[in-house]
C-alpha atoms as a PDB file:
ATOM      1  CA  MET A   1     125.233  73.741 118.768  1.00  0.00           C
ATOM      2  CA  THR A   2     123.598  76.322 116.486  1.00  0.00           C
ATOM      3  CA  ALA A   3     125.051  77.012 113.057  1.00  0.00           C
ATOM      4  CA  THR A   4     126.012  80.573 112.167  1.00  0.00           C
ATOM      5  CA  PRO A   5     123.344  82.134 109.971  1.00  0.00           C
ATOM      6  CA  LYS A   6     124.366  82.674 106.356  1.00  0.00           C
ATOM      7  CA  ASN A   7     122.279  85.821 106.061  1.00  0.00           C
ATOM      8  CA  PRO A   8     124.689  88.796 106.249  1.00  0.00           C
ATOM      9  CA  LEU A   9     121.836  90.967 107.546  1.00  0.00           C
ATOM     10  CA  HIS A  10     121.090  88.663 110.464  1.00  0.00           C
ATOM     11  CA  GLY A  11     120.694  90.627 113.685  1.00  0.00           C
ATOM     12  CA  ILE A  12     120.551  94.059 112.013  1.00  0.00           C
ATOM     13  CA  THR A  13     117.238  95.840 112.403  1.00  0.00           C
ATOM     14  CA  LEU A  14     115.552  97.695 109.576  1.00  0.00           C
ATOM     15  CA  GLU A  15     115.852 100.868 111.637  1.00  0.00           C
ATOM     16  CA  ALA A  16     119.621 100.408 112.059  1.00  0.00           C
ATOM     17  CA  MET A  17     119.983  99.847 108.305  1.00  0.00           C
ATOM     18  CA  LEU A  18     117.952 102.931 107.492  1.00  0.00           C
ATOM     19  CA  VAL A  19     119.812 105.136 109.985  1.00  0.00           C
ATOM     20  CA  GLU A  20     123.178 104.027 108.578  1.00  0.00           C
ATOM     21  CA  LEU A  21     122.097 104.486 104.962  1.00  0.00           C
ATOM     22  CA  GLN A  22     120.629 107.911 105.677  1.00  0.00           C
ATOM     23  CA  ALA A  23     123.835 108.989 107.417  1.00  0.00           C
ATOM     24  CA  ARG A  24     125.927 107.742 104.488  1.00  0.00           C
ATOM     25  CA  TYR A  25     123.856 108.980 101.540  1.00  0.00           C
ATOM     26  CA  GLY A  26     121.377 111.507 102.964  1.00  0.00           C
ATOM     27  CA  TRP A  27     117.725 111.496 101.961  1.00  0.00           C
ATOM     28  CA  GLU A  28     118.475 112.855  98.487  1.00  0.00           C
ATOM     29  CA  GLY A  29     121.086 110.171  97.875  1.00  0.00           C
ATOM     30  CA  LEU A  30     118.704 107.460  99.059  1.00  0.00           C
ATOM     31  CA  ALA A  31     115.971 108.798  96.756  1.00  0.00           C
ATOM     32  CA  GLN A  32     118.409 108.661  93.828  1.00  0.00           C
ATOM     33  CA  ARG A  33     119.388 105.072  94.599  1.00  0.00           C
ATOM     34  CA  ILE A  34     115.895 103.798  95.502  1.00  0.00           C
ATOM     35  CA  ASP A  35     113.010 105.578  93.802  1.00  0.00           C
ATOM     36  CA  ILE A  36     110.376 105.572  96.528  1.00  0.00           C
ATOM     37  CA  ARG A  37     108.323 108.506  97.752  1.00  0.00           C
ATOM     38  CA  CYS A  38     109.139 108.061 101.445  1.00  0.00           C
ATOM     39  CA  PHE A  39     112.704 109.180 100.642  1.00  0.00           C
ATOM     40  CA  LYS A  40     111.585 112.126  98.487  1.00  0.00           C
ATOM     41  CA  SER A  41     108.611 113.796 100.161  1.00  0.00           C
ATOM     42  CA  GLU A  42     109.190 114.990 103.729  1.00  0.00           C
ATOM     43  CA  PRO A  43     111.396 112.029 104.631  1.00  0.00           C
ATOM     44  CA  SER A  44     111.925 110.861 108.189  1.00  0.00           C
ATOM     45  CA  ILE A  45     113.132 107.670 109.798  1.00  0.00           C
ATOM     46  CA  LYS A  46     109.706 107.049 111.363  1.00  0.00           C
ATOM     47  CA  SER A  47     107.657 107.504 108.178  1.00  0.00           C
ATOM     48  CA  SER A  48     110.146 105.530 106.120  1.00  0.00           C
ATOM     49  CA  LEU A  49     110.096 102.644 108.604  1.00  0.00           C
ATOM     50  CA  THR A  50     106.296 102.563 108.511  1.00  0.00           C
ATOM     51  CA  PHE A  51     106.307 102.376 104.715  1.00  0.00           C
ATOM     52  CA  LEU A  52     109.133  99.838 104.474  1.00  0.00           C
ATOM     53  CA  ARG A  53     107.553  97.506 107.039  1.00  0.00           C
ATOM     54  CA  ARG A  54     104.356  97.410 104.969  1.00  0.00           C
ATOM     55  CA  THR A  55     106.007  97.184 101.543  1.00  0.00           C
ATOM     56  CA  PRO A  56     108.151  94.070 101.033  1.00  0.00           C
ATOM     57  CA  TRP A  57     109.549  95.052  97.600  1.00  0.00           C
ATOM     58  CA  ALA A  58     110.794  98.395  98.960  1.00  0.00           C
ATOM     59  CA  ARG A  59     112.277  96.766 102.040  1.00  0.00           C
ATOM     60  CA  GLU A  60     114.159  94.314  99.803  1.00  0.00           C
ATOM     61  CA  LYS A  61     115.669  97.232  97.885  1.00  0.00           C
ATOM     62  CA  VAL A  62     116.804  98.899 101.117  1.00  0.00           C
ATOM     63  CA  GLU A  63     118.300  95.642 102.395  1.00  0.00           C
ATOM     64  CA  ALA A  64     120.130  95.111  99.089  1.00  0.00           C
ATOM     65  CA  LEU A  65     121.534  98.658  99.137  1.00  0.00           C
ATOM     66  CA  PHE A  66     122.631  98.171 102.747  1.00  0.00           C
ATOM     67  CA  ALA A  67     124.387  94.899 101.896  1.00  0.00           C
ATOM     68  CA  ARG A  68     126.135  96.520  98.897  1.00  0.00           C
ATOM     69  CA  SER A  69     127.171  99.516 100.985  1.00  0.00           C
ATOM     70  CA  ARG A  70     128.824  97.148 103.427  1.00  0.00           C
ATOM     71  CA  GLY A  71     130.470  95.111 100.677  1.00  0.00           C
ATOM     72  CA  ARG A  72     128.264  92.049 101.242  1.00  0.00           C
ATOM     73  CA  GLY A  73     126.256  91.918  98.132  1.00  0.00           C
END
């Protein structure tokens, strides 16, 4: 039998996190909460995903914001 993962983000894709955060805060709200250019200059889900997949520190910030927004962090 497999143990339940302790990671609250288990099974949630980066794209799903980003879509939910963008719907909740908008691009301007995301840029205020996480100071990265992909949320400030011509933001889109596609360009943001490309940046976040290549930039671990930025991805960690998005994951932390997502966890906090869901009351898990």
